[in-house]
Amino acid sequence: MVAYHFDIIENMKKTASSPDTSVAAETCLVRCFHPLEINRVRKHLKADGVHLTAAADRFKALGNVKRLTILQALRVTELCVCDIAHLLGLSVAATSQQLRQLRIQGWIVTRSDGKMVYCQLSKTAPLRDLDTVLQLLDSTHVSASHPVPETESRDADA
């Protein structure tokens, strides 16, 4: 046990003398401090693995500004593919690729009317996820873009 703590202290000394302390600050010096907790978490993650994979796939759509713009536009009204292409400044083919990803992930549904293809938001669960994400982004944007001036915060504290 004493030798174990001695190794940790030696590693800390080496890290402290290292010129790049930002990397060292993010590195844990102990291999596994709470093995029972780690095992408990692993069991929980295995049970949630399918849900986490599905959630990651669903939110891939939000990692692309064009697809996010499409979702926002479809919140206003149903649009045909040509209108969405014009709105985005993309070709119909490029827009169709973006729409395909959104449809596969369950964000939108399409319907045909003759040669026209119309898109609308899906009525299923991903829409609630989008609302939550947009609310979070709005609240983050508002607090970051409108900081409380120091005089107001001092007045509130007084």
C-alpha atoms as a PDB file:
ATOM      1  CA  MET A   1       0.000   0.000   0.000  1.00  0.00           C
ATOM      2  CA  VAL A   2       2.810   2.434   0.878  1.00  0.00           C
ATOM      3  CA  ALA A   3       4.593   1.626  -2.389  1.00  0.00           C
ATOM      4  CA  TYR A   4       1.349   2.343  -4.285  1.00  0.00           C
ATOM      5  CA  HIS A   5       1.016   5.816  -2.755  1.00  0.00           C
ATOM      6  CA  PHE A   6       4.725   6.436  -3.361  1.00  0.00           C
ATOM      7  CA  ASP A   7       4.189   5.717  -7.106  1.00  0.00           C
ATOM      8  CA  ILE A   8       1.304   8.185  -7.201  1.00  0.00           C
ATOM      9  CA  ILE A   9       3.373  10.904  -5.515  1.00  0.00           C
ATOM     10  CA  GLU A  10       6.266  10.289  -7.932  1.00  0.00           C
ATOM     11  CA  ASN A  11       3.895  10.545 -10.897  1.00  0.00           C
ATOM     12  CA  MET A  12       2.482  13.798  -9.512  1.00  0.00           C
ATOM     13  CA  LYS A  13       5.983  15.241  -9.177  1.00  0.00           C
ATOM     14  CA  LYS A  14       6.808  14.307 -12.772  1.00  0.00           C
ATOM     15  CA  THR A  15       3.525  15.791 -13.984  1.00  0.00           C
ATOM     16  CA  ALA A  16       4.022  19.001 -12.016  1.00  0.00           C
ATOM     17  CA  SER A  17       7.453  19.496 -13.570  1.00  0.00           C
ATOM     18  CA  SER A  18       6.145  18.798 -17.076  1.00  0.00           C
ATOM     19  CA  PRO A  19       5.883  21.925 -19.276  1.00  0.00           C
ATOM     20  CA  ASP A  20       2.401  21.042 -20.569  1.00  0.00           C
ATOM     21  CA  THR A  21       0.269  20.965 -17.419  1.00  0.00           C
ATOM     22  CA  SER A  22      -3.036  21.283 -19.342  1.00  0.00           C
ATOM     23  CA  VAL A  23      -2.753  17.673 -20.502  1.00  0.00           C
ATOM     24  CA  ALA A  24      -1.662  16.493 -17.059  1.00  0.00           C
ATOM     25  CA  ALA A  25      -4.635  18.215 -15.404  1.00  0.00           C
ATOM     26  CA  GLU A  26      -7.023  16.112 -17.504  1.00  0.00           C
ATOM     27  CA  THR A  27      -5.263  12.818 -16.785  1.00  0.00           C
ATOM     28  CA  CYS A  28      -6.206  10.711 -13.798  1.00  0.00           C
ATOM     29  CA  LEU A  29      -3.176   9.455 -11.918  1.00  0.00           C
ATOM     30  CA  VAL A  30      -5.002   6.527 -10.308  1.00  0.00           C
ATOM     31  CA  ARG A  31      -5.866   3.599 -12.586  1.00  0.00           C
ATOM     32  CA  CYS A  32      -9.209   2.661 -11.004  1.00  0.00           C
ATOM     33  CA  PHE A  33     -10.140   4.125  -7.657  1.00  0.00           C
ATOM     34  CA  HIS A  34     -13.738   2.840  -7.347  1.00  0.00           C
ATOM     35  CA  PRO A  35     -13.933  -0.544  -9.094  1.00  0.00           C
ATOM     36  CA  LEU A  36     -17.384  -1.371  -7.670  1.00  0.00           C
ATOM     37  CA  GLU A  37     -18.818   1.863  -9.046  1.00  0.00           C
ATOM     38  CA  ILE A  38     -17.209   1.257 -12.425  1.00  0.00           C
ATOM     39  CA  ASN A  39     -18.775  -2.224 -12.602  1.00  0.00           C
ATOM     40  CA  ARG A  40     -22.182  -0.811 -11.647  1.00  0.00           C
ATOM     41  CA  VAL A  41     -21.934   1.881 -14.325  1.00  0.00           C
ATOM     42  CA  ARG A  42     -20.826  -0.653 -16.947  1.00  0.00           C
ATOM     43  CA  LYS A  43     -23.907  -2.790 -16.277  1.00  0.00           C
ATOM     44  CA  HIS A  44     -26.125   0.285 -16.613  1.00  0.00           C
ATOM     45  CA  LEU A  45     -24.426   1.318 -19.872  1.00  0.00           C
ATOM     46  CA  LYS A  46     -24.852  -2.161 -21.352  1.00  0.00           C
ATOM     47  CA  ALA A  47     -28.576  -1.970 -20.631  1.00  0.00           C
ATOM     48  CA  ASP A  48     -28.786   1.488 -22.231  1.00  0.00           C
ATOM     49  CA  GLY A  49     -26.461   0.687 -25.151  1.00  0.00           C
ATOM     50  CA  VAL A  50     -29.233   0.318 -27.711  1.00  0.00           C
ATOM     51  CA  HIS A  51     -30.918   3.534 -26.565  1.00  0.00           C
ATOM     52  CA  LEU A  52     -27.659   5.477 -26.656  1.00  0.00           C
ATOM     53  CA  THR A  53     -26.917   4.271 -30.175  1.00  0.00           C
ATOM     54  CA  ALA A  54     -30.416   5.219 -31.331  1.00  0.00           C
ATOM     55  CA  ALA A  55     -30.120   8.644 -29.694  1.00  0.00           C
ATOM     56  CA  ALA A  56     -26.740   9.261 -31.317  1.00  0.00           C
ATOM     57  CA  ASP A  57     -28.159   8.346 -34.722  1.00  0.00           C
ATOM     58  CA  ARG A  58     -31.181  10.582 -34.172  1.00  0.00           C
ATOM     59  CA  PHE A  59     -29.090  13.572 -33.216  1.00  0.00           C
ATOM     60  CA  LYS A  60     -26.719  13.209 -36.172  1.00  0.00           C
ATOM     61  CA  ALA A  61     -29.232  15.273 -38.084  1.00  0.00           C
ATOM     62  CA  LEU A  62     -28.656  18.198 -35.768  1.00  0.00           C
ATOM     63  CA  GLY A  63     -24.937  18.243 -36.499  1.00  0.00           C
ATOM     64  CA  ASN A  64     -25.515  19.682 -39.967  1.00  0.00           C
ATOM     65  CA  VAL A  65     -26.690  23.268 -40.377  1.00  0.00           C
ATOM     66  CA  LYS A  66     -28.562  22.504 -43.615  1.00  0.00           C
ATOM     67  CA  ARG A  67     -30.589  19.710 -42.013  1.00  0.00           C
ATOM     68  CA  LEU A  68     -31.259  21.808 -38.939  1.00  0.00           C
ATOM     69  CA  THR A  69     -32.432  24.637 -41.208  1.00  0.00           C
ATOM     70  CA  ILE A  70     -34.773  22.222 -42.975  1.00  0.00           C
ATOM     71  CA  LEU A  71     -36.237  21.132 -39.647  1.00  0.00           C
ATOM     72  CA  GLN A  72     -36.750  24.730 -38.585  1.00  0.00           C
ATOM     73  CA  ALA A  73     -38.411  25.583 -41.907  1.00  0.00           C
ATOM     74  CA  LEU A  74     -40.721  22.579 -41.649  1.00  0.00           C
ATOM     75  CA  ARG A  75     -41.788  23.768 -38.206  1.00  0.00           C
ATOM     76  CA  VAL A  76     -43.452  26.661 -40.040  1.00  0.00           C
ATOM     77  CA  THR A  77     -45.145  24.730 -42.854  1.00  0.00           C
ATOM     78  CA  GLU A  78     -45.021  21.724 -45.141  1.00  0.00           C
ATOM     79  CA  LEU A  79     -42.719  22.395 -48.119  1.00  0.00           C
ATOM     80  CA  CYS A  80     -41.962  20.698 -51.419  1.00  0.00           C
ATOM     81  CA  VAL A  81     -38.412  19.567 -52.151  1.00  0.00           C
ATOM     82  CA  CYS A  82     -37.966  22.337 -54.746  1.00  0.00           C
ATOM     83  CA  ASP A  83     -38.924  25.025 -52.221  1.00  0.00           C
ATOM     84  CA  ILE A  84     -36.532  23.597 -49.636  1.00  0.00           C
ATOM     85  CA  ALA A  85     -33.740  23.521 -52.243  1.00  0.00           C
ATOM     86  CA  HIS A  86     -34.409  27.170 -53.099  1.00  0.00           C
ATOM     87  CA  LEU A  87     -34.491  28.117 -49.413  1.00  0.00           C
ATOM     88  CA  LEU A  88     -31.127  26.429 -48.766  1.00  0.00           C
ATOM     89  CA  GLY A  89     -29.490  27.553 -52.013  1.00  0.00           C
ATOM     90  CA  LEU A  90     -28.758  23.922 -52.923  1.00  0.00           C
ATOM     91  CA  SER A  91     -29.557  21.770 -55.922  1.00  0.00           C
ATOM     92  CA  VAL A  92     -32.606  19.532 -55.715  1.00  0.00           C
ATOM     93  CA  ALA A  93     -30.299  16.490 -55.690  1.00  0.00           C
ATOM     94  CA  ALA A  94     -28.236  17.819 -52.759  1.00  0.00           C
ATOM     95  CA  THR A  95     -31.404  18.761 -50.898  1.00  0.00           C
ATOM     96  CA  SER A  96     -32.839  15.295 -51.500  1.00  0.00           C
ATOM     97  CA  GLN A  97     -29.757  13.769 -49.862  1.00  0.00           C
ATOM     98  CA  GLN A  98     -30.266  15.931 -46.767  1.00  0.00           C
ATOM     99  CA  LEU A  99     -33.975  15.058 -46.698  1.00  0.00           C
ATOM    100  CA  ARG A 100     -33.153  11.365 -47.027  1.00  0.00           C
ATOM    101  CA  GLN A 101     -31.027  11.513 -43.857  1.00  0.00           C
ATOM    102  CA  LEU A 102     -33.800  13.289 -41.981  1.00  0.00           C
ATOM    103  CA  ARG A 103     -36.377  10.755 -43.187  1.00  0.00           C
ATOM    104  CA  ILE A 104     -34.197   7.747 -42.239  1.00  0.00           C
ATOM    105  CA  GLN A 105     -33.700   9.153 -38.749  1.00  0.00           C
ATOM    106  CA  GLY A 106     -37.421   9.740 -38.310  1.00  0.00           C
ATOM    107  CA  TRP A 107     -37.443  13.532 -38.275  1.00  0.00           C
ATOM    108  CA  ILE A 108     -39.605  14.054 -41.369  1.00  0.00           C
ATOM    109  CA  VAL A 109     -42.174  12.286 -43.504  1.00  0.00           C
ATOM    110  CA  THR A 110     -42.814  12.815 -47.195  1.00  0.00           C
ATOM    111  CA  ARG A 111     -45.839  12.533 -49.402  1.00  0.00           C
ATOM    112  CA  SER A 112     -46.177  12.628 -53.164  1.00  0.00           C
ATOM    113  CA  ASP A 113     -48.712  14.634 -55.097  1.00  0.00           C
ATOM    114  CA  GLY A 114     -48.155  13.774 -58.754  1.00  0.00           C
ATOM    115  CA  LYS A 115     -44.530  14.641 -59.491  1.00  0.00           C
ATOM    116  CA  MET A 116     -44.226  16.877 -56.430  1.00  0.00           C
ATOM    117  CA  VAL A 117     -42.787  15.552 -53.157  1.00  0.00           C
ATOM    118  CA  TYR A 118     -43.791  17.387 -49.992  1.00  0.00           C
ATOM    119  CA  CYS A 119     -42.040  17.174 -46.635  1.00  0.00           C
ATOM    120  CA  GLN A 120     -43.348  17.772 -43.163  1.00  0.00           C
ATOM    121  CA  LEU A 121     -42.135  17.158 -39.646  1.00  0.00           C
ATOM    122  CA  SER A 122     -42.826  13.727 -38.278  1.00  0.00           C
ATOM    123  CA  LYS A 123     -45.419  13.486 -35.537  1.00  0.00           C
ATOM    124  CA  THR A 124     -43.203  11.008 -33.643  1.00  0.00           C
ATOM    125  CA  ALA A 125     -40.860  11.395 -30.676  1.00  0.00           C
ATOM    126  CA  PRO A 126     -37.847  13.038 -32.382  1.00  0.00           C
ATOM    127  CA  LEU A 127     -39.791  16.288 -32.626  1.00  0.00           C
ATOM    128  CA  ARG A 128     -39.885  16.552 -28.836  1.00  0.00           C
ATOM    129  CA  ASP A 129     -36.109  16.052 -28.848  1.00  0.00           C
ATOM    130  CA  LEU A 130     -35.710  18.887 -31.335  1.00  0.00           C
ATOM    131  CA  ASP A 131     -37.835  21.200 -29.197  1.00  0.00           C
ATOM    132  CA  THR A 132     -35.701  20.400 -26.159  1.00  0.00           C
ATOM    133  CA  VAL A 133     -32.446  20.991 -28.018  1.00  0.00           C
ATOM    134  CA  LEU A 134     -33.650  24.268 -29.509  1.00  0.00           C
ATOM    135  CA  GLN A 135     -34.838  25.509 -26.112  1.00  0.00           C
ATOM    136  CA  LEU A 136     -31.455  24.638 -24.647  1.00  0.00           C
ATOM    137  CA  LEU A 137     -29.645  26.426 -27.476  1.00  0.00           C
ATOM    138  CA  ASP A 138     -31.915  29.456 -27.124  1.00  0.00           C
ATOM    139  CA  SER A 139     -31.286  29.706 -23.383  1.00  0.00           C
ATOM    140  CA  THR A 140     -27.531  29.270 -23.875  1.00  0.00           C
ATOM    141  CA  HIS A 141     -27.508  31.867 -26.656  1.00  0.00           C
ATOM    142  CA  VAL A 142     -29.516  34.383 -24.617  1.00  0.00           C
ATOM    143  CA  SER A 143     -27.337  34.051 -21.516  1.00  0.00           C
ATOM    144  CA  ALA A 144     -24.111  34.198 -23.544  1.00  0.00           C
ATOM    145  CA  SER A 145     -25.140  37.108 -25.759  1.00  0.00           C
ATOM    146  CA  HIS A 146     -26.737  39.178 -22.996  1.00  0.00           C
ATOM    147  CA  PRO A 147     -24.447  39.063 -19.981  1.00  0.00           C
ATOM    148  CA  VAL A 148     -25.615  40.915 -16.893  1.00  0.00           C
ATOM    149  CA  PRO A 149     -23.626  44.164 -16.573  1.00  0.00           C
ATOM    150  CA  GLU A 150     -21.538  44.440 -13.430  1.00  0.00           C
ATOM    151  CA  THR A 151     -23.552  47.374 -12.105  1.00  0.00           C
ATOM    152  CA  GLU A 152     -26.804  45.392 -12.343  1.00  0.00           C
ATOM    153  CA  SER A 153     -25.309  42.370 -10.608  1.00  0.00           C
ATOM    154  CA  ARG A 154     -23.895  44.555  -7.815  1.00  0.00           C
ATOM    155  CA  ASP A 155     -27.267  46.291  -7.388  1.00  0.00           C
ATOM    156  CA  ALA A 156     -29.014  42.935  -7.129  1.00  0.00           C
ATOM    157  CA  ASP A 157     -26.549  41.790  -4.454  1.00  0.00           C
ATOM    158  CA  ALA A 158     -27.026  44.931  -2.352  1.00  0.00           C
END
